[in-house]
Amino acid sequence: MKGLLYKDIRCLFKNMSPAYFMCLIPILVYWNKGVFLYVLALIVGYFFGIQTLLSISIDEQSGFSSVYRLLPISKYKISISKYLFMLLMMAASAVFVTFITSIFEKEIILNYGLLSAYVVFLYDILMIPISLFFGVEKGRYVVIIVAVVPLIFSNYVIDFITLIEEYIAQNSTVVYIVFILVNFTVLVISYAVACMGINRYSH
């Protein structure tokens, strides 16, 4: 499993292109506006979240996904390697956004970094099982919807996040417990579907 994770990390740096950073350009539209840091967190989260999808795409293009059955490793560990890669992208996203936020606000604020990491989480727990089950090519329509909709309705997303923050401030304990349970349940379901997707390559 360590080898699979290393492969994904190596492919990430090998295929990194300056063109990827073009997705950060829309952030400049919100420069010097109150929502700048929220938009930064959303777009950077998407940028890092899509790296997991690209790693699956590279597996397909190289034919690696077709030889899953030949590996002396279970489908469960193959799936886990993608989720571990997701955790790395969450951490990278959080560190990057927190660093930019500290420069912008001249103090360390973790909220935006955590929001960015959560965007990675939401994107990948949806796209990992879809991509492994249907293939990246067939799942491209879902990718487009997931990528475009949050950006089009970014103002509504930000308002929704603000409402959640206010509610959490008033009911923090209950909200945190429910939040953790819901996300853990969704993660388990995502992982189960991803394993089913890996199993399809074995037949």
N, C-alpha and C. Protein backbone atom coordinates (compact mmCIF):
# COMPACT_ATOMS: atom_id res chain seq x y z
N MET A 1 0.82 -1.20 0.00
CA MET A 1 0.00 0.00 0.00
C MET A 1 0.87 1.27 0.00
N LYS A 2 2.02 1.19 0.70
CA LYS A 2 2.93 2.34 0.70
C LYS A 2 3.43 2.63 -0.71
N GLY A 3 3.64 1.53 -1.47
CA GLY A 3 4.11 1.68 -2.85
C GLY A 3 3.07 2.39 -3.71
N LEU A 4 1.80 2.08 -3.50
CA LEU A 4 0.73 2.72 -4.26
C LEU A 4 0.64 4.21 -3.93
N LEU A 5 0.79 4.51 -2.64
CA LEU A 5 0.74 5.92 -2.22
C LEU A 5 1.93 6.68 -2.78
N TYR A 6 3.09 6.05 -2.75
CA TYR A 6 4.30 6.68 -3.30
C TYR A 6 4.13 6.93 -4.79
N LYS A 7 3.51 5.98 -5.49
CA LYS A 7 3.26 6.13 -6.93
C LYS A 7 2.40 7.35 -7.21
N ASP A 8 1.35 7.52 -6.42
CA ASP A 8 0.45 8.66 -6.63
C ASP A 8 1.16 9.98 -6.35
N ILE A 9 1.97 10.01 -5.30
CA ILE A 9 2.69 11.24 -4.96
C ILE A 9 3.70 11.58 -6.05
N ARG A 10 4.39 10.55 -6.54
CA ARG A 10 5.38 10.76 -7.60
C ARG A 10 4.71 11.26 -8.87
N CYS A 11 3.56 10.67 -9.21
CA CYS A 11 2.83 11.11 -10.41
C CYS A 11 2.34 12.54 -10.26
N LEU A 12 1.99 12.93 -9.03
CA LEU A 12 1.52 14.28 -8.77
C LEU A 12 2.59 15.30 -9.16
N PHE A 13 3.81 15.08 -8.70
CA PHE A 13 4.90 16.02 -8.99
C PHE A 13 5.37 15.91 -10.45
N LYS A 14 5.31 14.70 -10.98
CA LYS A 14 5.77 14.50 -12.35
C LYS A 14 4.84 15.18 -13.35
N ASN A 15 3.55 15.17 -13.07
CA ASN A 15 2.58 15.72 -14.01
C ASN A 15 2.12 17.13 -13.64
N MET A 16 2.72 17.70 -12.61
CA MET A 16 2.36 19.06 -12.21
C MET A 16 2.72 20.03 -13.32
N SER A 17 1.76 20.86 -13.68
CA SER A 17 1.97 21.83 -14.75
C SER A 17 1.55 23.22 -14.28
N PRO A 18 2.26 24.26 -14.72
CA PRO A 18 1.88 25.63 -14.36
C PRO A 18 0.44 25.95 -14.77
N ALA A 19 -0.05 25.23 -15.79
CA ALA A 19 -1.41 25.46 -16.27
C ALA A 19 -2.44 25.14 -15.18
N TYR A 20 -2.09 24.23 -14.26
CA TYR A 20 -3.01 23.87 -13.19
C TYR A 20 -3.38 25.09 -12.35
N PHE A 21 -2.42 25.99 -12.19
CA PHE A 21 -2.63 27.13 -11.31
C PHE A 21 -3.53 28.20 -11.93
N MET A 22 -3.95 27.97 -13.18
CA MET A 22 -4.89 28.90 -13.82
C MET A 22 -6.24 28.89 -13.10
N CYS A 23 -6.54 27.78 -12.41
CA CYS A 23 -7.80 27.71 -11.68
C CYS A 23 -7.82 28.68 -10.50
N LEU A 24 -6.63 29.21 -10.13
CA LEU A 24 -6.55 30.14 -9.02
C LEU A 24 -6.82 31.58 -9.47
N ILE A 25 -6.83 31.80 -10.80
CA ILE A 25 -7.02 33.15 -11.33
C ILE A 25 -8.34 33.78 -10.88
N PRO A 26 -9.47 33.02 -10.86
CA PRO A 26 -10.74 33.63 -10.42
C PRO A 26 -10.67 34.26 -9.04
N ILE A 27 -9.72 33.82 -8.21
CA ILE A 27 -9.60 34.37 -6.86
C ILE A 27 -9.32 35.87 -6.91
N LEU A 28 -8.57 36.29 -7.95
CA LEU A 28 -8.18 37.69 -8.06
C LEU A 28 -9.38 38.62 -8.21
N VAL A 29 -10.50 38.07 -8.71
CA VAL A 29 -11.71 38.88 -8.87
C VAL A 29 -12.22 39.37 -7.51
N TYR A 30 -11.95 38.57 -6.49
CA TYR A 30 -12.45 38.89 -5.15
C TYR A 30 -11.41 39.57 -4.28
N TRP A 31 -10.29 39.97 -4.89
CA TRP A 31 -9.23 40.62 -4.13
C TRP A 31 -9.76 41.90 -3.47
N ASN A 32 -9.39 42.11 -2.22
CA ASN A 32 -9.81 43.26 -1.43
C ASN A 32 -11.32 43.29 -1.15
N LYS A 33 -11.95 42.12 -1.27
CA LYS A 33 -13.36 42.00 -0.93
C LYS A 33 -13.50 41.12 0.31
N GLY A 34 -14.59 41.28 1.02
CA GLY A 34 -14.77 40.55 2.26
C GLY A 34 -14.81 39.04 2.12
N VAL A 35 -15.18 38.57 0.93
CA VAL A 35 -15.32 37.12 0.72
C VAL A 35 -14.05 36.50 0.12
N PHE A 36 -13.00 37.29 0.01
CA PHE A 36 -11.79 36.80 -0.66
C PHE A 36 -11.27 35.50 -0.05
N LEU A 37 -11.14 35.45 1.27
CA LEU A 37 -10.57 34.28 1.91
C LEU A 37 -11.48 33.05 1.79
N TYR A 38 -12.79 33.28 1.78
CA TYR A 38 -13.72 32.17 1.58
C TYR A 38 -13.56 31.59 0.17
N VAL A 39 -13.50 32.46 -0.82
CA VAL A 39 -13.33 32.01 -2.20
C VAL A 39 -11.98 31.33 -2.37
N LEU A 40 -10.96 31.87 -1.73
CA LEU A 40 -9.63 31.25 -1.76
C LEU A 40 -9.70 29.82 -1.24
N ALA A 41 -10.37 29.64 -0.11
CA ALA A 41 -10.49 28.30 0.49
C ALA A 41 -11.24 27.34 -0.42
N LEU A 42 -12.32 27.82 -1.06
CA LEU A 42 -13.13 26.97 -1.93
C LEU A 42 -12.35 26.53 -3.18
N ILE A 43 -11.70 27.49 -3.83
CA ILE A 43 -11.01 27.18 -5.09
C ILE A 43 -9.75 26.36 -4.85
N VAL A 44 -9.00 26.70 -3.81
CA VAL A 44 -7.79 25.92 -3.50
C VAL A 44 -8.18 24.50 -3.07
N GLY A 45 -9.29 24.38 -2.34
CA GLY A 45 -9.78 23.06 -1.96
C GLY A 45 -10.11 22.21 -3.18
N TYR A 46 -10.77 22.85 -4.14
CA TYR A 46 -11.08 22.14 -5.39
C TYR A 46 -9.81 21.74 -6.13
N PHE A 47 -8.84 22.66 -6.17
CA PHE A 47 -7.58 22.41 -6.87
C PHE A 47 -6.86 21.18 -6.29
N PHE A 48 -6.78 21.11 -4.98
CA PHE A 48 -6.10 19.97 -4.36
C PHE A 48 -6.97 18.71 -4.40
N GLY A 49 -8.28 18.89 -4.32
CA GLY A 49 -9.17 17.73 -4.38
C GLY A 49 -9.11 17.01 -5.71
N ILE A 50 -8.95 17.77 -6.79
CA ILE A 50 -8.94 17.16 -8.12
C ILE A 50 -7.67 16.36 -8.38
N GLN A 51 -6.64 16.56 -7.56
CA GLN A 51 -5.40 15.80 -7.73
C GLN A 51 -5.62 14.30 -7.53
N THR A 52 -6.52 13.97 -6.62
CA THR A 52 -6.84 12.55 -6.41
C THR A 52 -7.50 11.96 -7.64
N LEU A 53 -8.39 12.73 -8.24
CA LEU A 53 -9.05 12.29 -9.47
C LEU A 53 -8.03 12.12 -10.59
N LEU A 54 -7.07 13.02 -10.67
CA LEU A 54 -6.04 12.93 -11.70
C LEU A 54 -5.18 11.68 -11.50
N SER A 55 -4.95 11.30 -10.26
CA SER A 55 -4.16 10.09 -10.00
C SER A 55 -4.89 8.85 -10.51
N ILE A 56 -6.21 8.82 -10.36
CA ILE A 56 -7.01 7.71 -10.87
C ILE A 56 -7.01 7.73 -12.40
N SER A 57 -7.09 8.93 -12.97
CA SER A 57 -7.06 9.07 -14.42
C SER A 57 -5.75 8.56 -15.00
N ILE A 58 -4.65 8.86 -14.32
CA ILE A 58 -3.33 8.40 -14.78
C ILE A 58 -3.26 6.87 -14.72
N ASP A 59 -3.86 6.28 -13.69
CA ASP A 59 -3.92 4.82 -13.58
C ASP A 59 -4.63 4.23 -14.79
N GLU A 60 -5.72 4.87 -15.20
CA GLU A 60 -6.49 4.38 -16.35
C GLU A 60 -5.69 4.54 -17.65
N GLN A 61 -5.11 5.70 -17.85
CA GLN A 61 -4.39 5.98 -19.08
C GLN A 61 -3.15 5.10 -19.24
N SER A 62 -2.51 4.78 -18.13
CA SER A 62 -1.31 3.95 -18.19
C SER A 62 -1.63 2.47 -18.23
N GLY A 63 -2.92 2.14 -18.02
CA GLY A 63 -3.32 0.73 -18.02
C GLY A 63 -3.11 0.06 -16.68
N PHE A 64 -2.70 0.85 -15.68
CA PHE A 64 -2.43 0.27 -14.36
C PHE A 64 -3.69 -0.29 -13.72
N SER A 65 -4.82 0.39 -13.93
CA SER A 65 -6.07 -0.07 -13.32
C SER A 65 -6.50 -1.44 -13.84
N SER A 66 -6.07 -1.78 -15.04
CA SER A 66 -6.45 -3.08 -15.62
C SER A 66 -5.65 -4.24 -15.04
N VAL A 67 -4.57 -3.93 -14.32
CA VAL A 67 -3.76 -5.00 -13.74
C VAL A 67 -3.90 -5.05 -12.22
N TYR A 68 -4.94 -4.39 -11.71
CA TYR A 68 -5.18 -4.43 -10.26
C TYR A 68 -5.23 -5.87 -9.76
N ARG A 69 -5.87 -6.73 -10.56
CA ARG A 69 -6.07 -8.12 -10.14
C ARG A 69 -4.76 -8.89 -10.03
N LEU A 70 -3.71 -8.39 -10.67
CA LEU A 70 -2.42 -9.08 -10.65
C LEU A 70 -1.57 -8.70 -9.45
N LEU A 71 -1.99 -7.65 -8.75
CA LEU A 71 -1.20 -7.19 -7.61
C LEU A 71 -1.44 -8.08 -6.39
N PRO A 72 -0.38 -8.37 -5.65
CA PRO A 72 -0.53 -9.18 -4.43
C PRO A 72 -1.03 -8.32 -3.26
N ILE A 73 -2.11 -7.63 -3.50
CA ILE A 73 -2.66 -6.73 -2.49
C ILE A 73 -4.17 -6.68 -2.66
N SER A 74 -4.89 -6.57 -1.56
CA SER A 74 -6.35 -6.62 -1.61
C SER A 74 -6.94 -5.33 -2.18
N LYS A 75 -8.17 -5.46 -2.65
CA LYS A 75 -8.87 -4.30 -3.19
C LYS A 75 -9.10 -3.25 -2.12
N TYR A 76 -9.18 -3.71 -0.87
CA TYR A 76 -9.40 -2.78 0.23
C TYR A 76 -8.20 -1.85 0.41
N LYS A 77 -7.01 -2.40 0.31
CA LYS A 77 -5.80 -1.59 0.47
C LYS A 77 -5.59 -0.67 -0.73
N ILE A 78 -5.99 -1.14 -1.90
CA ILE A 78 -5.88 -0.29 -3.10
C ILE A 78 -6.78 0.94 -2.93
N SER A 79 -7.98 0.71 -2.41
CA SER A 79 -8.91 1.82 -2.18
C SER A 79 -8.38 2.74 -1.09
N ILE A 80 -7.85 2.13 -0.02
CA ILE A 80 -7.34 2.93 1.09
C ILE A 80 -6.23 3.87 0.64
N SER A 81 -5.40 3.39 -0.32
CA SER A 81 -4.30 4.23 -0.79
C SER A 81 -4.81 5.54 -1.40
N LYS A 82 -5.98 5.48 -2.05
CA LYS A 82 -6.56 6.70 -2.63
C LYS A 82 -7.07 7.64 -1.54
N TYR A 83 -7.62 7.06 -0.49
CA TYR A 83 -8.12 7.89 0.60
C TYR A 83 -6.98 8.47 1.44
N LEU A 84 -5.87 7.75 1.53
CA LEU A 84 -4.69 8.29 2.20
C LEU A 84 -4.12 9.45 1.39
N PHE A 85 -4.16 9.30 0.07
CA PHE A 85 -3.71 10.39 -0.80
C PHE A 85 -4.63 11.60 -0.62
N MET A 86 -5.92 11.33 -0.45
CA MET A 86 -6.88 12.40 -0.18
C MET A 86 -6.51 13.14 1.10
N LEU A 87 -6.12 12.41 2.14
CA LEU A 87 -5.72 13.04 3.41
C LEU A 87 -4.50 13.93 3.21
N LEU A 88 -3.56 13.49 2.39
CA LEU A 88 -2.39 14.31 2.10
C LEU A 88 -2.79 15.60 1.40
N MET A 89 -3.74 15.50 0.47
CA MET A 89 -4.20 16.68 -0.25
C MET A 89 -4.98 17.62 0.68
N MET A 90 -5.70 17.04 1.63
CA MET A 90 -6.40 17.86 2.62
C MET A 90 -5.40 18.65 3.46
N ALA A 91 -4.34 17.97 3.88
CA ALA A 91 -3.32 18.63 4.69
C ALA A 91 -2.61 19.72 3.90
N ALA A 92 -2.27 19.40 2.63
CA ALA A 92 -1.58 20.38 1.78
C ALA A 92 -2.46 21.60 1.55
N SER A 93 -3.74 21.36 1.31
CA SER A 93 -4.67 22.45 1.09
C SER A 93 -4.79 23.33 2.32
N ALA A 94 -4.92 22.71 3.49
CA ALA A 94 -5.06 23.46 4.74
C ALA A 94 -3.82 24.30 5.02
N VAL A 95 -2.64 23.72 4.82
CA VAL A 95 -1.39 24.44 5.07
C VAL A 95 -1.25 25.63 4.12
N PHE A 96 -1.55 25.39 2.84
CA PHE A 96 -1.42 26.45 1.83
C PHE A 96 -2.35 27.62 2.14
N VAL A 97 -3.61 27.32 2.40
CA VAL A 97 -4.59 28.38 2.65
C VAL A 97 -4.28 29.10 3.96
N THR A 98 -3.89 28.36 4.98
CA THR A 98 -3.53 28.98 6.25
C THR A 98 -2.34 29.92 6.09
N PHE A 99 -1.38 29.51 5.26
CA PHE A 99 -0.20 30.34 5.00
C PHE A 99 -0.61 31.65 4.32
N ILE A 100 -1.44 31.54 3.28
CA ILE A 100 -1.90 32.74 2.56
C ILE A 100 -2.74 33.63 3.48
N THR A 101 -3.58 32.99 4.29
CA THR A 101 -4.42 33.74 5.22
C THR A 101 -3.59 34.50 6.23
N SER A 102 -2.53 33.87 6.74
CA SER A 102 -1.67 34.52 7.72
C SER A 102 -0.98 35.75 7.13
N ILE A 103 -0.68 35.70 5.83
CA ILE A 103 -0.08 36.85 5.16
C ILE A 103 -1.12 37.95 4.96
N PHE A 104 -2.32 37.52 4.56
CA PHE A 104 -3.39 38.47 4.26
C PHE A 104 -3.90 39.16 5.53
N GLU A 105 -4.10 38.38 6.59
CA GLU A 105 -4.67 38.91 7.83
C GLU A 105 -3.60 39.28 8.87
N LYS A 106 -2.35 38.90 8.58
CA LYS A 106 -1.23 39.16 9.50
C LYS A 106 -1.41 38.49 10.86
N GLU A 107 -2.11 37.37 10.84
CA GLU A 107 -2.25 36.51 12.01
C GLU A 107 -2.69 35.13 11.53
N ILE A 108 -2.41 34.13 12.34
CA ILE A 108 -2.75 32.75 11.96
C ILE A 108 -4.22 32.48 12.27
N ILE A 109 -4.98 32.19 11.21
CA ILE A 109 -6.40 31.84 11.34
C ILE A 109 -6.61 30.48 10.68
N LEU A 110 -7.08 29.52 11.45
CA LEU A 110 -7.20 28.15 10.96
C LEU A 110 -8.51 27.86 10.23
N ASN A 111 -9.53 28.69 10.45
CA ASN A 111 -10.86 28.41 9.89
C ASN A 111 -10.85 28.20 8.38
N TYR A 112 -10.15 29.08 7.67
CA TYR A 112 -10.15 29.00 6.21
C TYR A 112 -9.39 27.77 5.71
N GLY A 113 -8.31 27.44 6.40
CA GLY A 113 -7.56 26.24 6.04
C GLY A 113 -8.38 24.99 6.25
N LEU A 114 -9.12 24.95 7.35
CA LEU A 114 -9.98 23.80 7.63
C LEU A 114 -11.12 23.71 6.62
N LEU A 115 -11.65 24.85 6.22
CA LEU A 115 -12.70 24.87 5.20
C LEU A 115 -12.17 24.32 3.89
N SER A 116 -10.96 24.72 3.51
CA SER A 116 -10.35 24.24 2.27
C SER A 116 -10.14 22.73 2.32
N ALA A 117 -9.67 22.23 3.47
CA ALA A 117 -9.46 20.79 3.63
C ALA A 117 -10.78 20.04 3.52
N TYR A 118 -11.85 20.66 4.05
CA TYR A 118 -13.16 20.01 3.99
C TYR A 118 -13.70 19.97 2.57
N VAL A 119 -13.38 20.98 1.78
CA VAL A 119 -13.76 20.98 0.37
C VAL A 119 -13.09 19.80 -0.34
N VAL A 120 -11.81 19.57 -0.04
CA VAL A 120 -11.10 18.42 -0.60
C VAL A 120 -11.82 17.13 -0.20
N PHE A 121 -12.17 17.04 1.07
CA PHE A 121 -12.86 15.85 1.59
C PHE A 121 -14.17 15.60 0.85
N LEU A 122 -15.00 16.63 0.75
CA LEU A 122 -16.30 16.48 0.09
C LEU A 122 -16.15 16.08 -1.37
N TYR A 123 -15.20 16.72 -2.05
CA TYR A 123 -15.00 16.43 -3.47
C TYR A 123 -14.53 15.00 -3.67
N ASP A 124 -13.55 14.58 -2.87
CA ASP A 124 -12.95 13.26 -3.09
C ASP A 124 -13.81 12.10 -2.63
N ILE A 125 -14.57 12.27 -1.55
CA ILE A 125 -15.42 11.14 -1.12
C ILE A 125 -16.53 10.91 -2.14
N LEU A 126 -16.80 11.89 -2.97
CA LEU A 126 -17.76 11.71 -4.05
C LEU A 126 -17.08 11.16 -5.30
N MET A 127 -15.94 11.74 -5.67
CA MET A 127 -15.31 11.42 -6.93
C MET A 127 -14.49 10.13 -6.92
N ILE A 128 -13.92 9.75 -5.78
CA ILE A 128 -13.14 8.51 -5.72
C ILE A 128 -14.01 7.30 -6.06
N PRO A 129 -15.15 7.09 -5.39
CA PRO A 129 -15.97 5.93 -5.73
C PRO A 129 -16.56 6.00 -7.14
N ILE A 130 -16.97 7.21 -7.57
CA ILE A 130 -17.54 7.35 -8.91
C ILE A 130 -16.50 7.01 -9.97
N SER A 131 -15.28 7.51 -9.79
CA SER A 131 -14.22 7.28 -10.78
C SER A 131 -13.76 5.84 -10.81
N LEU A 132 -13.70 5.20 -9.64
CA LEU A 132 -13.27 3.81 -9.59
C LEU A 132 -14.36 2.86 -10.07
N PHE A 133 -15.60 3.25 -9.88
CA PHE A 133 -16.71 2.38 -10.27
C PHE A 133 -17.07 2.52 -11.75
N PHE A 134 -17.17 3.76 -12.22
CA PHE A 134 -17.58 4.01 -13.60
C PHE A 134 -16.41 4.35 -14.53
N GLY A 135 -15.29 4.75 -13.95
CA GLY A 135 -14.18 5.23 -14.76
C GLY A 135 -14.21 6.74 -14.82
N VAL A 136 -13.03 7.34 -14.93
CA VAL A 136 -12.93 8.79 -14.95
C VAL A 136 -13.65 9.38 -16.15
N GLU A 137 -13.52 8.74 -17.31
CA GLU A 137 -14.12 9.26 -18.53
C GLU A 137 -15.64 9.33 -18.43
N LYS A 138 -16.25 8.24 -17.93
CA LYS A 138 -17.71 8.22 -17.82
C LYS A 138 -18.21 9.12 -16.70
N GLY A 139 -17.34 9.36 -15.73
CA GLY A 139 -17.76 10.20 -14.62
C GLY A 139 -17.46 11.68 -14.84
N ARG A 140 -17.06 12.03 -16.07
CA ARG A 140 -16.64 13.41 -16.35
C ARG A 140 -17.79 14.41 -16.18
N TYR A 141 -19.03 13.94 -16.44
CA TYR A 141 -20.17 14.85 -16.30
C TYR A 141 -20.38 15.24 -14.84
N VAL A 142 -20.19 14.27 -13.96
CA VAL A 142 -20.31 14.56 -12.54
C VAL A 142 -19.20 15.51 -12.11
N VAL A 143 -18.00 15.32 -12.68
CA VAL A 143 -16.87 16.19 -12.38
C VAL A 143 -17.19 17.62 -12.75
N ILE A 144 -17.77 17.81 -13.93
CA ILE A 144 -18.10 19.16 -14.40
C ILE A 144 -19.11 19.82 -13.47
N ILE A 145 -20.14 19.06 -13.08
CA ILE A 145 -21.17 19.61 -12.21
C ILE A 145 -20.58 19.99 -10.85
N VAL A 146 -19.79 19.06 -10.29
CA VAL A 146 -19.20 19.30 -8.97
C VAL A 146 -18.25 20.49 -9.00
N ALA A 147 -17.56 20.66 -10.13
CA ALA A 147 -16.57 21.74 -10.23
C ALA A 147 -17.22 23.10 -10.48
N VAL A 148 -18.25 23.12 -11.33
CA VAL A 148 -18.81 24.39 -11.78
C VAL A 148 -19.86 24.95 -10.83
N VAL A 149 -20.75 24.10 -10.35
CA VAL A 149 -21.86 24.57 -9.52
C VAL A 149 -21.42 25.38 -8.30
N PRO A 150 -20.44 24.88 -7.50
CA PRO A 150 -20.03 25.67 -6.33
C PRO A 150 -19.46 27.03 -6.70
N LEU A 151 -18.80 27.12 -7.86
CA LEU A 151 -18.21 28.39 -8.28
C LEU A 151 -19.29 29.36 -8.75
N ILE A 152 -20.30 28.83 -9.46
CA ILE A 152 -21.39 29.69 -9.94
C ILE A 152 -22.19 30.25 -8.77
N PHE A 153 -22.43 29.39 -7.80
CA PHE A 153 -23.24 29.81 -6.65
C PHE A 153 -22.38 30.06 -5.41
N SER A 154 -21.16 30.57 -5.65
CA SER A 154 -20.22 30.78 -4.54
C SER A 154 -20.78 31.70 -3.46
N ASN A 155 -21.53 32.73 -3.88
CA ASN A 155 -22.09 33.67 -2.90
C ASN A 155 -23.09 32.97 -1.98
N TYR A 156 -23.91 32.08 -2.57
CA TYR A 156 -24.88 31.34 -1.76
C TYR A 156 -24.17 30.34 -0.84
N VAL A 157 -23.11 29.74 -1.37
CA VAL A 157 -22.31 28.80 -0.56
C VAL A 157 -21.73 29.51 0.64
N ILE A 158 -21.21 30.71 0.40
CA ILE A 158 -20.60 31.50 1.48
C ILE A 158 -21.65 31.89 2.52
N ASP A 159 -22.85 32.29 2.05
CA ASP A 159 -23.93 32.63 2.98
C ASP A 159 -24.33 31.42 3.81
N PHE A 160 -24.38 30.27 3.16
CA PHE A 160 -24.73 29.02 3.85
C PHE A 160 -23.69 28.69 4.91
N ILE A 161 -22.43 28.86 4.56
CA ILE A 161 -21.34 28.59 5.51
C ILE A 161 -21.43 29.53 6.71
N THR A 162 -21.77 30.79 6.44
CA THR A 162 -21.92 31.77 7.51
C THR A 162 -23.03 31.38 8.47
N LEU A 163 -24.15 30.90 7.92
CA LEU A 163 -25.27 30.46 8.75
C LEU A 163 -24.87 29.27 9.62
N ILE A 164 -24.12 28.36 9.02
CA ILE A 164 -23.66 27.18 9.76
C ILE A 164 -22.75 27.60 10.91
N GLU A 165 -21.85 28.55 10.63
CA GLU A 165 -20.94 29.03 11.67
C GLU A 165 -21.71 29.64 12.83
N GLU A 166 -22.76 30.41 12.53
CA GLU A 166 -23.58 31.02 13.58
C GLU A 166 -24.32 29.95 14.39
N TYR A 167 -24.81 28.94 13.69
CA TYR A 167 -25.54 27.87 14.38
C TYR A 167 -24.60 27.07 15.27
N ILE A 168 -23.38 26.81 14.75
CA ILE A 168 -22.39 26.06 15.52
C ILE A 168 -22.02 26.81 16.79
N ALA A 169 -21.92 28.12 16.66
CA ALA A 169 -21.56 28.95 17.82
C ALA A 169 -22.60 28.81 18.94
N GLN A 170 -23.86 28.56 18.57
CA GLN A 170 -24.92 28.45 19.55
C GLN A 170 -25.15 27.02 20.02
N ASN A 171 -24.86 26.07 19.17
CA ASN A 171 -25.11 24.65 19.51
C ASN A 171 -23.89 23.80 19.17
N SER A 172 -22.73 24.24 19.61
CA SER A 172 -21.47 23.65 19.16
C SER A 172 -21.35 22.15 19.44
N THR A 173 -21.65 21.72 20.65
CA THR A 173 -21.44 20.31 21.01
C THR A 173 -22.29 19.37 20.17
N VAL A 174 -23.59 19.64 20.10
CA VAL A 174 -24.50 18.80 19.33
C VAL A 174 -24.12 18.78 17.85
N VAL A 175 -23.82 19.95 17.32
CA VAL A 175 -23.49 20.06 15.89
C VAL A 175 -22.22 19.28 15.58
N TYR A 176 -21.21 19.39 16.42
CA TYR A 176 -19.96 18.70 16.17
C TYR A 176 -20.15 17.18 16.17
N ILE A 177 -20.96 16.69 17.11
CA ILE A 177 -21.20 15.24 17.18
C ILE A 177 -21.93 14.76 15.93
N VAL A 178 -22.99 15.47 15.55
CA VAL A 178 -23.75 15.12 14.35
C VAL A 178 -22.87 15.23 13.11
N PHE A 179 -22.09 16.29 13.05
CA PHE A 179 -21.20 16.54 11.92
C PHE A 179 -20.21 15.38 11.73
N ILE A 180 -19.60 14.95 12.83
CA ILE A 180 -18.63 13.86 12.76
C ILE A 180 -19.29 12.55 12.35
N LEU A 181 -20.45 12.26 12.92
CA LEU A 181 -21.15 11.00 12.61
C LEU A 181 -21.59 10.96 11.15
N VAL A 182 -22.13 12.07 10.66
CA VAL A 182 -22.60 12.12 9.26
C VAL A 182 -21.44 11.95 8.30
N ASN A 183 -20.35 12.67 8.55
CA ASN A 183 -19.20 12.58 7.65
C ASN A 183 -18.53 11.22 7.70
N PHE A 184 -18.49 10.62 8.88
CA PHE A 184 -17.91 9.28 9.00
C PHE A 184 -18.77 8.27 8.24
N THR A 185 -20.08 8.40 8.34
CA THR A 185 -20.99 7.49 7.63
C THR A 185 -20.82 7.63 6.12
N VAL A 186 -20.75 8.86 5.65
CA VAL A 186 -20.57 9.11 4.21
C VAL A 186 -19.22 8.56 3.75
N LEU A 187 -18.19 8.71 4.58
CA LEU A 187 -16.86 8.20 4.23
C LEU A 187 -16.87 6.67 4.10
N VAL A 188 -17.55 6.00 5.02
CA VAL A 188 -17.65 4.54 4.98
C VAL A 188 -18.37 4.09 3.71
N ILE A 189 -19.47 4.76 3.38
CA ILE A 189 -20.22 4.42 2.16
C ILE A 189 -19.35 4.65 0.93
N SER A 190 -18.64 5.78 0.92
CA SER A 190 -17.75 6.10 -0.20
C SER A 190 -16.69 5.03 -0.37
N TYR A 191 -16.10 4.60 0.73
CA TYR A 191 -15.07 3.57 0.69
C TYR A 191 -15.62 2.23 0.20
N ALA A 192 -16.82 1.88 0.65
CA ALA A 192 -17.44 0.62 0.24
C ALA A 192 -17.68 0.60 -1.27
N VAL A 193 -18.19 1.72 -1.81
CA VAL A 193 -18.44 1.80 -3.25
C VAL A 193 -17.12 1.77 -4.02
N ALA A 194 -16.09 2.41 -3.48
CA ALA A 194 -14.77 2.41 -4.12
C ALA A 194 -14.23 0.99 -4.22
N CYS A 195 -14.41 0.20 -3.16
CA CYS A 195 -13.95 -1.20 -3.17
C CYS A 195 -14.72 -2.00 -4.21
N MET A 196 -16.00 -1.73 -4.36
CA MET A 196 -16.79 -2.39 -5.39
C MET A 196 -16.27 -2.01 -6.77
N GLY A 197 -15.84 -0.75 -6.92
CA GLY A 197 -15.28 -0.31 -8.19
C GLY A 197 -13.99 -1.04 -8.51
N ILE A 198 -13.13 -1.19 -7.50
CA ILE A 198 -11.87 -1.93 -7.69
C ILE A 198 -12.18 -3.37 -8.06
N ASN A 199 -13.19 -3.93 -7.45
CA ASN A 199 -13.56 -5.33 -7.70
C ASN A 199 -14.01 -5.54 -9.14
N ARG A 200 -14.55 -4.52 -9.78
CA ARG A 200 -15.00 -4.63 -11.17
C ARG A 200 -13.82 -4.84 -12.12
N TYR A 201 -12.65 -4.31 -11.73
CA TYR A 201 -11.47 -4.49 -12.56
C TYR A 201 -10.89 -5.90 -12.43
N SER A 202 -11.38 -6.63 -11.44
CA SER A 202 -10.82 -7.96 -11.17
C SER A 202 -11.57 -9.06 -11.90
N HIS A 203 -12.56 -8.67 -12.71
CA HIS A 203 -13.35 -9.68 -13.43
C HIS A 203 -13.35 -9.41 -14.93
